[in-house]
Amino acid sequence: MPTCKKCGSGQAVKSGVIAGKQRFLCKECGCNFREGDARTSEKVAAKKALCVLLYAMAKGSFRMMGRILNTNHALIYRWIRTFGESLPEPAAAGGIKQMQFDEILHFIQQKKESYGSSKPLIVAHGKLWDGCSAVMILELFNDDTIRSGI
């Protein structure tokens, strides 16, 4: 029996015939698949690569790419999301420090909880090139297990 395409298990049973090809059902994860299912081709791989490139360059929306390539925008979204999930987690630079800003205390010398963020923020600064620097201020999550998506 073939191995499951989703979980890699060898416990698959026959589950009918579709378009002249044998279909299998995985007993472990319940995935239905066909042996020799070659839905991807060089043309589809080229479309995926072009979509990822256009999205990474911030040059196109999912719908715009869908219209150009004559492909469903939801499929393009899944291609880009799958590619993004395959990338390694970005590493933070060692120079990032945590600071707490409280603009109310700074300006009127009293702390009011109803105004301002009053939350710890992450500040990262760097020099892009001579004469140009960048500062990024982000709010710190309470739960460190949260991972941002694409």
N, C-alpha and C. Protein backbone atom coordinates (compact mmCIF):
# COMPACT_ATOMS: atom_id res chain seq x y z
N MET A 1 0.83 -1.18 0.00
CA MET A 1 0.00 0.00 0.00
C MET A 1 0.89 1.26 0.00
N PRO A 2 0.42 2.32 -0.62
CA PRO A 2 1.21 3.56 -0.65
C PRO A 2 1.19 4.28 0.70
N THR A 3 2.12 5.18 0.88
CA THR A 3 2.16 5.97 2.11
C THR A 3 1.29 7.22 1.95
N CYS A 4 0.73 7.67 3.06
CA CYS A 4 -0.15 8.84 3.06
C CYS A 4 0.65 10.09 2.69
N LYS A 5 0.06 10.95 1.88
CA LYS A 5 0.73 12.17 1.46
C LYS A 5 0.69 13.24 2.54
N LYS A 6 -0.20 13.10 3.51
CA LYS A 6 -0.33 14.11 4.57
C LYS A 6 0.50 13.76 5.80
N CYS A 7 0.36 12.53 6.29
CA CYS A 7 1.05 12.17 7.54
C CYS A 7 2.18 11.16 7.34
N GLY A 8 2.28 10.56 6.16
CA GLY A 8 3.36 9.61 5.89
C GLY A 8 3.12 8.21 6.42
N SER A 9 1.93 7.94 6.91
CA SER A 9 1.60 6.62 7.46
C SER A 9 1.48 5.59 6.34
N GLY A 10 1.76 4.35 6.65
CA GLY A 10 1.63 3.27 5.69
C GLY A 10 0.32 2.52 5.82
N GLN A 11 -0.60 3.01 6.64
CA GLN A 11 -1.88 2.34 6.86
C GLN A 11 -2.96 2.98 6.01
N ALA A 12 -2.92 2.74 4.71
CA ALA A 12 -3.93 3.26 3.79
C ALA A 12 -4.69 2.09 3.18
N VAL A 13 -5.98 2.29 2.97
CA VAL A 13 -6.82 1.26 2.36
C VAL A 13 -7.45 1.83 1.09
N LYS A 14 -7.84 0.94 0.19
CA LYS A 14 -8.47 1.37 -1.05
C LYS A 14 -9.80 2.05 -0.74
N SER A 15 -10.09 3.09 -1.52
CA SER A 15 -11.31 3.86 -1.27
C SER A 15 -11.96 4.28 -2.58
N GLY A 16 -12.04 3.38 -3.53
CA GLY A 16 -12.72 3.67 -4.78
C GLY A 16 -11.78 4.08 -5.90
N VAL A 17 -12.38 4.35 -7.06
CA VAL A 17 -11.63 4.75 -8.25
C VAL A 17 -12.21 6.07 -8.74
N ILE A 18 -11.34 7.03 -9.02
CA ILE A 18 -11.77 8.33 -9.54
C ILE A 18 -10.91 8.65 -10.76
N ALA A 19 -11.59 8.97 -11.86
CA ALA A 19 -10.93 9.33 -13.13
C ALA A 19 -9.96 8.23 -13.56
N GLY A 20 -10.32 6.99 -13.30
CA GLY A 20 -9.49 5.87 -13.72
C GLY A 20 -8.30 5.60 -12.84
N LYS A 21 -8.16 6.30 -11.72
CA LYS A 21 -7.03 6.09 -10.80
C LYS A 21 -7.55 5.64 -9.44
N GLN A 22 -6.81 4.74 -8.81
CA GLN A 22 -7.19 4.20 -7.51
C GLN A 22 -7.06 5.28 -6.44
N ARG A 23 -8.07 5.37 -5.61
CA ARG A 23 -8.08 6.32 -4.50
C ARG A 23 -7.85 5.56 -3.21
N PHE A 24 -7.14 6.19 -2.24
CA PHE A 24 -6.81 5.56 -0.97
C PHE A 24 -7.27 6.44 0.18
N LEU A 25 -7.57 5.81 1.32
CA LEU A 25 -7.97 6.50 2.54
C LEU A 25 -6.99 6.13 3.64
N CYS A 26 -6.40 7.14 4.27
CA CYS A 26 -5.45 6.91 5.36
C CYS A 26 -6.23 6.61 6.63
N LYS A 27 -5.88 5.52 7.31
CA LYS A 27 -6.55 5.12 8.55
C LYS A 27 -6.13 6.00 9.73
N GLU A 28 -4.95 6.63 9.64
CA GLU A 28 -4.45 7.45 10.75
C GLU A 28 -5.05 8.85 10.75
N CYS A 29 -4.99 9.56 9.60
CA CYS A 29 -5.43 10.96 9.58
C CYS A 29 -6.72 11.17 8.79
N GLY A 30 -7.19 10.16 8.05
CA GLY A 30 -8.43 10.30 7.31
C GLY A 30 -8.30 11.01 5.98
N CYS A 31 -7.09 11.19 5.51
CA CYS A 31 -6.86 11.89 4.25
C CYS A 31 -7.16 10.98 3.06
N ASN A 32 -7.89 11.50 2.05
CA ASN A 32 -8.11 10.78 0.81
C ASN A 32 -7.08 11.25 -0.21
N PHE A 33 -6.44 10.34 -0.90
CA PHE A 33 -5.44 10.71 -1.89
C PHE A 33 -5.38 9.67 -2.98
N ARG A 34 -4.77 10.04 -4.08
CA ARG A 34 -4.55 9.12 -5.20
C ARG A 34 -3.06 8.90 -5.36
N GLU A 35 -2.69 7.70 -5.68
CA GLU A 35 -1.30 7.40 -5.95
C GLU A 35 -0.94 7.98 -7.32
N GLY A 36 0.17 8.66 -7.39
CA GLY A 36 0.57 9.27 -8.64
C GLY A 36 -0.21 10.53 -8.95
N ASP A 37 -0.72 11.20 -7.93
CA ASP A 37 -1.49 12.42 -8.10
C ASP A 37 -0.52 13.55 -8.43
N ALA A 38 -0.41 13.90 -9.69
CA ALA A 38 0.53 14.92 -10.14
C ALA A 38 -0.22 16.18 -10.55
N ARG A 39 -0.77 16.88 -9.57
CA ARG A 39 -1.50 18.11 -9.87
C ARG A 39 -0.56 19.28 -10.11
N THR A 40 0.63 19.21 -9.57
CA THR A 40 1.57 20.30 -9.78
C THR A 40 2.42 20.01 -11.01
N SER A 41 2.67 21.04 -11.74
CA SER A 41 3.50 20.92 -12.93
C SER A 41 4.48 22.08 -12.91
N GLU A 42 5.30 22.16 -13.95
CA GLU A 42 6.26 23.26 -14.03
C GLU A 42 5.53 24.59 -14.18
N LYS A 43 4.40 24.59 -14.85
CA LYS A 43 3.62 25.81 -15.05
C LYS A 43 3.08 26.32 -13.71
N VAL A 44 2.55 25.41 -12.89
CA VAL A 44 2.01 25.79 -11.58
C VAL A 44 3.15 26.24 -10.66
N ALA A 45 4.29 25.56 -10.72
CA ALA A 45 5.43 25.94 -9.89
C ALA A 45 5.92 27.34 -10.28
N ALA A 46 5.89 27.67 -11.56
CA ALA A 46 6.30 29.00 -12.01
C ALA A 46 5.31 30.06 -11.53
N LYS A 47 4.02 29.73 -11.54
CA LYS A 47 3.00 30.66 -11.04
C LYS A 47 3.21 30.92 -9.55
N LYS A 48 3.48 29.85 -8.79
CA LYS A 48 3.72 30.00 -7.36
C LYS A 48 4.91 30.90 -7.09
N ALA A 49 6.01 30.65 -7.81
CA ALA A 49 7.22 31.45 -7.62
C ALA A 49 6.98 32.91 -7.97
N LEU A 50 6.25 33.17 -9.04
CA LEU A 50 5.95 34.54 -9.43
C LEU A 50 5.08 35.23 -8.39
N CYS A 51 4.10 34.53 -7.86
CA CYS A 51 3.23 35.11 -6.84
C CYS A 51 4.00 35.44 -5.57
N VAL A 52 4.87 34.54 -5.13
CA VAL A 52 5.67 34.80 -3.94
C VAL A 52 6.59 35.99 -4.17
N LEU A 53 7.18 36.08 -5.34
CA LEU A 53 8.07 37.19 -5.67
C LEU A 53 7.32 38.52 -5.68
N LEU A 54 6.16 38.56 -6.35
CA LEU A 54 5.36 39.78 -6.39
C LEU A 54 4.89 40.20 -5.01
N TYR A 55 4.49 39.23 -4.19
CA TYR A 55 4.02 39.55 -2.84
C TYR A 55 5.18 40.05 -1.98
N ALA A 56 6.35 39.42 -2.11
CA ALA A 56 7.50 39.82 -1.30
C ALA A 56 7.97 41.23 -1.67
N MET A 57 7.80 41.61 -2.91
CA MET A 57 8.20 42.95 -3.35
C MET A 57 7.11 43.98 -3.08
N ALA A 58 5.98 43.55 -2.48
CA ALA A 58 4.83 44.42 -2.19
C ALA A 58 4.33 45.08 -3.46
N LYS A 59 4.31 44.33 -4.54
CA LYS A 59 3.88 44.87 -5.82
C LYS A 59 2.51 44.37 -6.25
N GLY A 60 1.89 43.49 -5.49
CA GLY A 60 0.61 42.98 -5.94
C GLY A 60 -0.24 42.42 -4.83
N SER A 61 -1.55 42.57 -5.00
CA SER A 61 -2.50 41.97 -4.08
C SER A 61 -2.86 40.58 -4.58
N PHE A 62 -3.53 39.80 -3.74
CA PHE A 62 -3.92 38.45 -4.12
C PHE A 62 -4.90 38.49 -5.30
N ARG A 63 -5.84 39.40 -5.26
CA ARG A 63 -6.83 39.49 -6.34
C ARG A 63 -6.19 39.94 -7.65
N MET A 64 -5.27 40.89 -7.58
CA MET A 64 -4.60 41.35 -8.78
C MET A 64 -3.80 40.21 -9.42
N MET A 65 -3.07 39.47 -8.60
CA MET A 65 -2.29 38.34 -9.13
C MET A 65 -3.23 37.27 -9.69
N GLY A 66 -4.38 37.08 -9.05
CA GLY A 66 -5.36 36.11 -9.53
C GLY A 66 -5.89 36.48 -10.90
N ARG A 67 -6.16 37.78 -11.10
CA ARG A 67 -6.65 38.21 -12.41
C ARG A 67 -5.58 38.07 -13.49
N ILE A 68 -4.34 38.41 -13.15
CA ILE A 68 -3.26 38.32 -14.14
C ILE A 68 -2.99 36.87 -14.54
N LEU A 69 -2.94 35.98 -13.55
CA LEU A 69 -2.57 34.59 -13.80
C LEU A 69 -3.78 33.68 -14.04
N ASN A 70 -4.98 34.25 -14.03
CA ASN A 70 -6.20 33.49 -14.25
C ASN A 70 -6.30 32.34 -13.22
N THR A 71 -6.11 32.70 -11.96
CA THR A 71 -6.11 31.75 -10.85
C THR A 71 -6.93 32.35 -9.71
N ASN A 72 -7.55 31.52 -8.92
CA ASN A 72 -8.35 31.98 -7.80
C ASN A 72 -7.46 32.68 -6.77
N HIS A 73 -7.92 33.84 -6.26
CA HIS A 73 -7.12 34.60 -5.30
C HIS A 73 -6.93 33.84 -3.99
N ALA A 74 -7.89 33.00 -3.60
CA ALA A 74 -7.74 32.23 -2.37
C ALA A 74 -6.62 31.19 -2.50
N LEU A 75 -6.48 30.63 -3.70
CA LEU A 75 -5.39 29.68 -3.93
C LEU A 75 -4.04 30.37 -3.85
N ILE A 76 -3.96 31.58 -4.40
CA ILE A 76 -2.71 32.35 -4.33
C ILE A 76 -2.38 32.67 -2.88
N TYR A 77 -3.39 33.02 -2.09
CA TYR A 77 -3.18 33.27 -0.67
C TYR A 77 -2.60 32.03 0.02
N ARG A 78 -3.15 30.85 -0.28
CA ARG A 78 -2.65 29.60 0.33
C ARG A 78 -1.22 29.32 -0.10
N TRP A 79 -0.87 29.57 -1.38
CA TRP A 79 0.50 29.37 -1.85
C TRP A 79 1.47 30.23 -1.05
N ILE A 80 1.13 31.50 -0.90
CA ILE A 80 2.03 32.43 -0.21
C ILE A 80 2.10 32.11 1.28
N ARG A 81 0.99 31.75 1.88
CA ARG A 81 0.99 31.40 3.30
C ARG A 81 1.82 30.13 3.56
N THR A 82 1.67 29.13 2.69
CA THR A 82 2.45 27.90 2.82
C THR A 82 3.94 28.19 2.69
N PHE A 83 4.28 29.05 1.73
CA PHE A 83 5.69 29.41 1.57
C PHE A 83 6.21 30.14 2.80
N GLY A 84 5.40 31.05 3.35
CA GLY A 84 5.81 31.80 4.54
C GLY A 84 6.00 30.92 5.75
N GLU A 85 5.15 29.90 5.89
CA GLU A 85 5.28 28.98 7.03
C GLU A 85 6.51 28.09 6.91
N SER A 86 7.02 27.92 5.69
CA SER A 86 8.20 27.08 5.52
C SER A 86 9.49 27.84 5.83
N LEU A 87 9.42 29.16 5.96
CA LEU A 87 10.61 29.96 6.25
C LEU A 87 10.98 29.84 7.72
N PRO A 88 12.27 30.00 8.06
CA PRO A 88 12.65 29.95 9.47
C PRO A 88 12.17 31.19 10.21
N GLU A 89 12.01 31.07 11.51
CA GLU A 89 11.59 32.19 12.34
C GLU A 89 12.68 33.25 12.34
N PRO A 90 12.35 34.53 12.13
CA PRO A 90 13.38 35.57 12.11
C PRO A 90 14.01 35.75 13.48
N ALA A 91 15.28 36.01 13.48
CA ALA A 91 16.01 36.19 14.74
C ALA A 91 16.11 37.67 15.04
N ALA A 92 15.89 38.03 16.30
CA ALA A 92 15.99 39.44 16.71
C ALA A 92 17.45 39.78 16.95
N ALA A 93 17.80 41.01 16.62
CA ALA A 93 19.17 41.47 16.83
C ALA A 93 19.44 41.60 18.32
N GLY A 94 20.70 41.49 18.70
CA GLY A 94 21.07 41.55 20.11
C GLY A 94 20.90 42.92 20.73
N GLY A 95 20.78 43.98 19.93
CA GLY A 95 20.69 45.33 20.45
C GLY A 95 19.29 45.78 20.81
N ILE A 96 18.29 44.91 20.73
CA ILE A 96 16.92 45.29 21.05
C ILE A 96 16.73 45.26 22.56
N LYS A 97 16.18 46.37 23.08
CA LYS A 97 15.96 46.48 24.51
C LYS A 97 14.48 46.77 24.76
N GLN A 98 14.02 46.48 25.94
CA GLN A 98 12.64 46.74 26.30
C GLN A 98 12.57 48.02 27.12
N MET A 99 11.66 48.91 26.73
CA MET A 99 11.47 50.18 27.44
C MET A 99 9.99 50.38 27.68
N GLN A 100 9.65 51.15 28.71
CA GLN A 100 8.26 51.48 28.95
C GLN A 100 8.08 52.98 28.78
N PHE A 101 7.14 53.35 27.91
CA PHE A 101 6.85 54.74 27.63
C PHE A 101 5.57 55.13 28.36
N ASP A 102 5.60 56.28 28.96
CA ASP A 102 4.40 56.81 29.56
C ASP A 102 4.38 58.31 29.29
N GLU A 103 3.72 58.69 28.21
CA GLU A 103 3.74 60.09 27.78
C GLU A 103 3.00 61.01 28.74
N ILE A 104 2.00 60.51 29.46
CA ILE A 104 1.26 61.35 30.40
C ILE A 104 2.17 61.75 31.55
N LEU A 105 2.86 60.81 32.14
CA LEU A 105 3.77 61.10 33.24
C LEU A 105 4.85 62.07 32.81
N HIS A 106 5.30 61.93 31.60
CA HIS A 106 6.38 62.77 31.09
C HIS A 106 5.92 64.23 30.96
N PHE A 107 4.70 64.45 30.48
CA PHE A 107 4.26 65.81 30.20
C PHE A 107 3.61 66.51 31.39
N ILE A 108 2.84 65.84 32.20
CA ILE A 108 2.13 66.54 33.27
C ILE A 108 2.50 66.01 34.66
N GLN A 109 3.49 65.17 34.75
CA GLN A 109 4.04 64.69 36.01
C GLN A 109 3.03 63.95 36.89
N GLN A 110 2.03 63.31 36.30
CA GLN A 110 1.15 62.44 37.05
C GLN A 110 0.69 61.30 36.16
N LYS A 111 0.51 60.17 36.73
CA LYS A 111 0.17 58.98 35.97
C LYS A 111 -1.34 58.78 35.97
N LYS A 112 -1.93 58.69 34.76
CA LYS A 112 -3.35 58.41 34.62
C LYS A 112 -3.49 57.15 33.80
N GLU A 113 -4.22 56.19 34.32
CA GLU A 113 -4.36 54.90 33.64
C GLU A 113 -5.34 54.95 32.47
N SER A 114 -6.21 55.96 32.41
CA SER A 114 -7.21 55.99 31.36
C SER A 114 -6.69 56.57 30.04
N TYR A 115 -5.49 57.12 30.05
CA TYR A 115 -4.92 57.69 28.84
C TYR A 115 -3.57 57.04 28.54
N GLY A 116 -3.19 56.98 27.30
CA GLY A 116 -1.88 56.44 26.92
C GLY A 116 -1.87 54.93 26.93
N SER A 117 -0.77 54.38 26.50
CA SER A 117 -0.69 52.92 26.41
C SER A 117 -0.41 52.27 27.75
N SER A 118 0.49 52.86 28.55
CA SER A 118 0.89 52.33 29.86
C SER A 118 1.25 50.86 29.78
N LYS A 119 1.78 50.43 28.64
CA LYS A 119 2.19 49.04 28.45
C LYS A 119 3.66 49.02 28.04
N PRO A 120 4.38 47.95 28.36
CA PRO A 120 5.77 47.87 27.91
C PRO A 120 5.83 47.74 26.38
N LEU A 121 6.76 48.45 25.80
CA LEU A 121 6.94 48.44 24.34
C LEU A 121 8.34 47.98 24.01
N ILE A 122 8.50 47.43 22.81
CA ILE A 122 9.82 47.02 22.32
C ILE A 122 10.28 48.08 21.33
N VAL A 123 11.47 48.59 21.54
CA VAL A 123 12.02 49.62 20.65
C VAL A 123 13.28 49.06 20.01
N ALA A 124 13.31 49.11 18.69
CA ALA A 124 14.50 48.70 17.95
C ALA A 124 14.93 49.87 17.08
N HIS A 125 16.17 50.23 17.15
CA HIS A 125 16.66 51.31 16.29
C HIS A 125 17.91 50.86 15.57
N GLY A 126 18.11 51.43 14.44
CA GLY A 126 19.28 51.08 13.65
C GLY A 126 19.58 52.14 12.62
N LYS A 127 20.77 52.09 12.11
CA LYS A 127 21.21 53.03 11.09
C LYS A 127 21.18 52.30 9.75
N LEU A 128 20.31 52.77 8.86
CA LEU A 128 20.17 52.13 7.56
C LEU A 128 21.36 52.46 6.67
N TRP A 129 21.68 53.74 6.56
CA TRP A 129 22.86 54.24 5.86
C TRP A 129 23.17 55.61 6.42
N ASP A 130 24.24 56.24 6.00
CA ASP A 130 24.64 57.54 6.53
C ASP A 130 23.52 58.55 6.34
N GLY A 131 23.11 59.17 7.44
CA GLY A 131 22.06 60.17 7.38
C GLY A 131 20.66 59.64 7.49
N CYS A 132 20.48 58.32 7.61
CA CYS A 132 19.14 57.74 7.69
C CYS A 132 19.11 56.68 8.78
N SER A 133 18.26 56.90 9.77
CA SER A 133 18.11 55.90 10.83
C SER A 133 16.64 55.52 10.93
N ALA A 134 16.38 54.38 11.53
CA ALA A 134 15.02 53.88 11.65
C ALA A 134 14.77 53.46 13.09
N VAL A 135 13.55 53.73 13.57
CA VAL A 135 13.13 53.32 14.91
C VAL A 135 11.80 52.58 14.76
N MET A 136 11.71 51.40 15.37
CA MET A 136 10.48 50.62 15.33
C MET A 136 10.02 50.41 16.76
N ILE A 137 8.74 50.73 17.02
CA ILE A 137 8.16 50.56 18.35
C ILE A 137 7.03 49.55 18.23
N LEU A 138 7.12 48.47 18.99
CA LEU A 138 6.13 47.40 18.97
C LEU A 138 5.61 47.14 20.37
N GLU A 139 4.34 46.73 20.46
CA GLU A 139 3.76 46.40 21.75
C GLU A 139 4.15 44.97 22.11
N LEU A 140 4.51 44.74 23.35
CA LEU A 140 4.93 43.43 23.83
C LEU A 140 3.70 42.57 24.10
N PHE A 141 3.71 41.33 23.61
CA PHE A 141 2.62 40.40 23.87
C PHE A 141 2.71 39.89 25.29
N ASN A 142 1.55 39.63 25.88
CA ASN A 142 1.54 39.02 27.21
C ASN A 142 1.90 37.56 27.14
N ASP A 143 1.54 36.88 26.05
CA ASP A 143 1.78 35.47 25.88
C ASP A 143 2.91 35.28 24.86
N ASP A 144 4.02 34.73 25.28
CA ASP A 144 5.17 34.55 24.39
C ASP A 144 4.98 33.44 23.38
N THR A 145 3.92 32.65 23.53
CA THR A 145 3.72 31.54 22.60
C THR A 145 3.01 31.98 21.34
N ILE A 146 2.52 33.21 21.27
CA ILE A 146 1.80 33.68 20.09
C ILE A 146 2.81 33.92 18.97
N ARG A 147 2.49 33.39 17.81
CA ARG A 147 3.39 33.53 16.66
C ARG A 147 2.61 34.25 15.57
N SER A 148 3.17 35.27 15.02
CA SER A 148 2.45 36.05 14.01
C SER A 148 2.43 35.29 12.68
N GLY A 149 1.34 35.43 11.90
CA GLY A 149 1.19 34.79 10.61
C GLY A 149 1.49 35.76 9.46
N ILE A 150 1.45 35.24 8.13
CA ILE A 150 1.69 36.05 6.95
C ILE A 150 0.41 36.68 6.48
